[in-house]
Protein backbone atom coordinates (compact mmCIF):
# COMPACT_ATOMS: atom_id res chain seq x y z
CA MET A 1 0.01 -0.06 -0.10
CA GLU A 2 2.59 2.31 0.72
CA ALA A 3 4.74 1.91 -2.20
CA VAL A 4 1.37 2.88 -4.32
CA THR A 5 0.76 5.64 -2.28
CA LEU A 6 4.36 6.81 -2.99
CA ALA A 7 4.10 6.17 -6.70
CA ALA A 8 0.80 8.27 -6.73
CA ILE A 9 2.54 11.18 -4.98
CA GLY A 10 5.25 11.14 -7.40
CA ALA A 11 2.70 11.29 -10.33
CA VAL A 12 0.99 14.22 -8.78
CA ALA A 13 4.27 15.94 -7.94
CA LEU A 14 5.23 15.23 -11.49
CA SER A 15 2.06 16.62 -13.01
CA GLU A 16 2.27 19.75 -11.12
CA GLY A 17 6.02 19.98 -12.15
CA VAL A 18 4.91 19.73 -15.70
CA ARG A 19 2.29 22.19 -15.54
CA PHE A 20 4.73 24.72 -13.74
CA LEU A 21 7.31 24.10 -16.46
CA TYR A 22 5.03 24.68 -19.24
CA ASP A 23 3.46 27.69 -17.76
CA GLN A 24 6.79 29.28 -16.66
CA ALA A 25 8.25 28.43 -20.06
CA GLY A 26 5.37 30.43 -21.62
CA GLU A 27 5.92 33.44 -19.25
CA ALA A 28 9.63 33.53 -20.29
CA ILE A 29 8.91 33.37 -24.14
CA ARG A 30 6.36 36.18 -23.61
CA TRP A 31 8.80 38.02 -21.60
CA TRP A 32 11.46 37.66 -24.33
CA ARG A 33 9.08 38.90 -27.18
CA GLU A 34 8.21 41.80 -25.12
CA ARG A 35 11.83 42.81 -24.25
CA ARG A 36 12.70 42.48 -27.89
CA ALA A 37 9.63 44.60 -28.83
CA GLY A 38 10.62 47.82 -27.04
CA PRO A 39 12.97 49.12 -24.23
CA ASP A 40 9.83 49.88 -22.17
CA ALA A 41 9.47 45.89 -21.93
CA GLU A 42 12.75 45.31 -20.26
CA ALA A 43 11.45 47.07 -16.91
CA ARG A 44 9.13 44.34 -16.33
CA PRO A 45 10.49 41.47 -14.33
CA LEU A 46 9.67 37.70 -15.16
CA PRO A 47 6.93 36.61 -13.24
CA VAL A 48 6.99 33.24 -11.44
CA VAL A 49 3.95 31.20 -12.02
CA ASP A 50 1.32 31.67 -9.01
CA ASP A 51 1.34 28.45 -6.84
CA ALA A 52 4.34 27.06 -8.33
CA PRO A 53 5.02 23.44 -6.72
CA VAL A 54 8.81 24.25 -6.70
CA ASP A 55 11.06 26.25 -4.63
CA LEU A 56 12.65 29.22 -6.32
CA GLU A 57 14.49 32.37 -5.23
CA PRO A 58 13.44 35.60 -6.98
CA ALA A 59 14.33 35.03 -10.71
CA THR A 60 16.71 37.01 -12.59
CA VAL A 61 16.54 36.35 -16.33
CA ASP A 62 20.05 35.61 -18.16
CA THR A 63 18.88 37.09 -21.41
CA ALA A 64 22.04 35.49 -23.10
CA ALA A 65 20.63 31.92 -22.11
CA LEU A 66 17.25 32.64 -23.03
CA GLU A 67 18.24 33.80 -26.59
CA ARG A 68 20.18 30.79 -26.89
CA LEU A 69 17.79 28.28 -25.68
CA GLU A 70 14.44 29.70 -26.84
CA PRO A 71 14.01 27.36 -29.97
CA ASP A 72 14.69 24.39 -27.67
CA ILE A 73 12.31 25.82 -24.98
CA ARG A 74 9.48 26.06 -27.47
CA ALA A 75 10.13 22.77 -28.61
CA LEU A 76 10.34 21.35 -25.40
CA ARG A 77 7.17 23.26 -24.21
CA ALA A 78 5.17 21.84 -27.37
CA ALA A 79 6.11 18.34 -26.32
CA LEU A 80 4.55 18.97 -22.91
CA ARG A 81 1.22 20.31 -24.36
CA PRO A 82 -0.85 17.05 -24.27
CA TYR A 83 -0.03 16.77 -20.43
CA VAL A 84 -1.41 20.24 -19.62
CA ASP A 85 -4.47 20.10 -21.81
CA ASP A 86 -7.39 21.68 -19.84
CA ILE A 87 -10.31 19.71 -21.20
CA ASP A 88 -8.54 15.96 -21.64
CA PRO A 89 -4.71 15.89 -20.46
CA ASP A 90 -2.76 12.86 -21.25
CA PRO A 91 -1.74 11.10 -17.64
CA VAL A 92 1.51 11.89 -16.36
CA ASP A 93 3.60 8.75 -15.46
CA PRO A 94 6.83 8.83 -13.77
CA ALA A 95 7.79 5.38 -15.34
CA ASP A 96 7.31 7.15 -18.92
CA ALA A 97 11.21 7.67 -19.70
CA ASP A 98 10.78 9.71 -22.82
CA LEU A 99 8.35 12.29 -20.94
CA VAL A 100 10.71 12.39 -17.81
CA ALA A 101 13.57 13.24 -20.29
CA VAL A 102 11.48 16.23 -21.77
CA VAL A 103 10.54 17.21 -18.34
CA ASP A 104 14.26 17.33 -17.47
CA ALA A 105 15.47 19.02 -20.39
CA LEU A 106 13.06 21.83 -19.90
CA ARG A 107 13.86 21.99 -16.33
CA ARG A 108 17.38 22.34 -17.13
CA ALA A 109 16.75 24.91 -19.89
CA MET A 110 14.63 26.89 -17.53
CA GLU A 111 17.37 26.60 -14.81
CA ALA A 112 19.81 28.04 -17.30
CA VAL A 113 17.51 31.03 -18.15
CA LEU A 114 16.40 31.62 -14.35
CA GLY A 115 20.12 31.04 -12.98
CA GLN A 116 19.10 28.84 -10.64
CA ARG A 117 18.08 25.13 -9.76
CA ILE A 118 14.51 24.05 -10.06
CA ARG A 119 13.46 21.75 -7.43
CA PHE A 120 9.81 20.31 -7.30
CA ARG A 121 8.17 20.00 -3.75
CA GLY A 122 8.73 16.70 -2.32
CA GLU A 123 11.63 16.01 -4.66
CA ALA A 124 14.81 14.56 -2.71
CA ASP A 125 18.34 14.99 -3.60
CA ARG A 126 17.99 17.95 -5.41
CA PRO A 127 18.90 21.22 -3.38
CA ALA A 128 17.18 24.46 -4.42
CA GLY A 129 18.94 27.69 -4.84
CA PRO A 130 21.01 29.65 -7.31
CA GLU A 131 22.97 27.75 -10.07
CA ILE A 132 26.05 29.41 -10.87
CA SER A 133 28.14 28.46 -13.69
CA GLY A 134 30.92 29.94 -15.63
CA GLN A 135 33.37 29.15 -18.38
CA VAL A 136 36.84 30.44 -19.38
CA ASP A 137 38.10 29.67 -22.73
CA VAL A 138 41.22 31.53 -23.77
CA GLU A 139 44.25 31.33 -25.64
CA GLN A 140 46.69 32.67 -23.15
CA VAL A 141 46.86 33.55 -19.33
CA ALA A 142 49.41 35.80 -18.06
CA GLY A 143 47.82 36.49 -14.61
CA TYR A 144 44.69 35.19 -13.11
CA ALA A 145 41.54 33.98 -14.77
CA ALA A 146 38.63 32.16 -13.16
CA ALA A 147 35.54 30.92 -14.40
CA VAL A 148 33.69 31.46 -10.94
CA ARG A 149 34.76 33.22 -8.13
CA VAL A 150 32.36 32.90 -5.09
CA ARG A 151 32.52 34.33 -1.75
CA ASN A 152 30.10 32.97 1.29
CA LEU A 153 27.45 31.24 -0.95
CA ALA A 154 25.16 29.22 1.41
CA ASP A 155 23.13 27.10 -0.88
CA GLY A 156 23.15 26.21 -4.69
CA ARG A 157 25.31 24.56 -7.09
CA ILE A 158 28.56 25.88 -8.67
CA VAL A 159 30.14 24.67 -12.20
CA GLY A 160 33.00 26.52 -13.57
CA THR A 161 35.23 25.16 -16.52
CA ALA A 162 38.26 26.85 -17.74
CA ARG A 163 40.25 26.27 -20.42
CA ALA A 164 43.85 28.07 -21.70
CA ARG A 165 45.89 26.98 -24.64
CA ARG A 166 48.78 28.33 -22.83
CA VAL A 167 49.66 29.64 -19.17
CA GLU A 168 52.58 31.90 -18.89
CA HIS A 169 54.83 31.38 -16.04
CA GLY A 170 53.26 32.63 -12.77
CA GLY A 171 49.94 32.65 -14.48
CA GLU A 172 46.75 30.65 -13.21
CA ILE A 173 43.60 29.41 -14.25
CA VAL A 174 40.79 27.92 -12.35
CA GLY A 175 37.19 26.54 -12.71
CA VAL A 176 35.80 27.42 -9.43
CA ASP A 177 37.69 29.55 -6.88
CA ALA A 178 35.12 30.01 -3.89
CA ASP A 179 35.26 30.62 -0.11
CA ASP A 180 32.74 29.46 2.42
CA VAL A 181 30.33 27.84 -0.21
CA GLY A 182 28.53 25.54 2.33
CA ARG A 183 26.35 26.43 5.53
């Protein structure tokens, strides 16, 4: 009985997550269109969908990520349309590997746009909070180069990659240079 209850809770949480991602992706696309339409639209913050079944910090849109990922977000959102139909939605099954892959891909795209991890309420092993990523790819480093430099981050995820073709004597290149990351 307990396993059936947990499976049902998983399906409900996933259904709510699908709806959230679908709606939030739609908000991001609308926000992007308005921003491109004129300078006044840039002042409007990206709204977070009401009653979101996720834990989110206030969102700051990474416009470069949104510009780069907009076609993917549109396609992934379209793939979820049958599951959010208001009249006759397809059932959400956590065992459906194809559906889970689409949900995960849209979640990762929206994480890049919002600059933070998205964790569905009740989801284990996926911390909420900001996701910080940086990349350095240079020909030569003569001094210091870091993809990410963070001080005193309590929660979130940090990823930094650094690549240099040549590092001069005394030069230093690092992916992540952080102090006091955890609590």
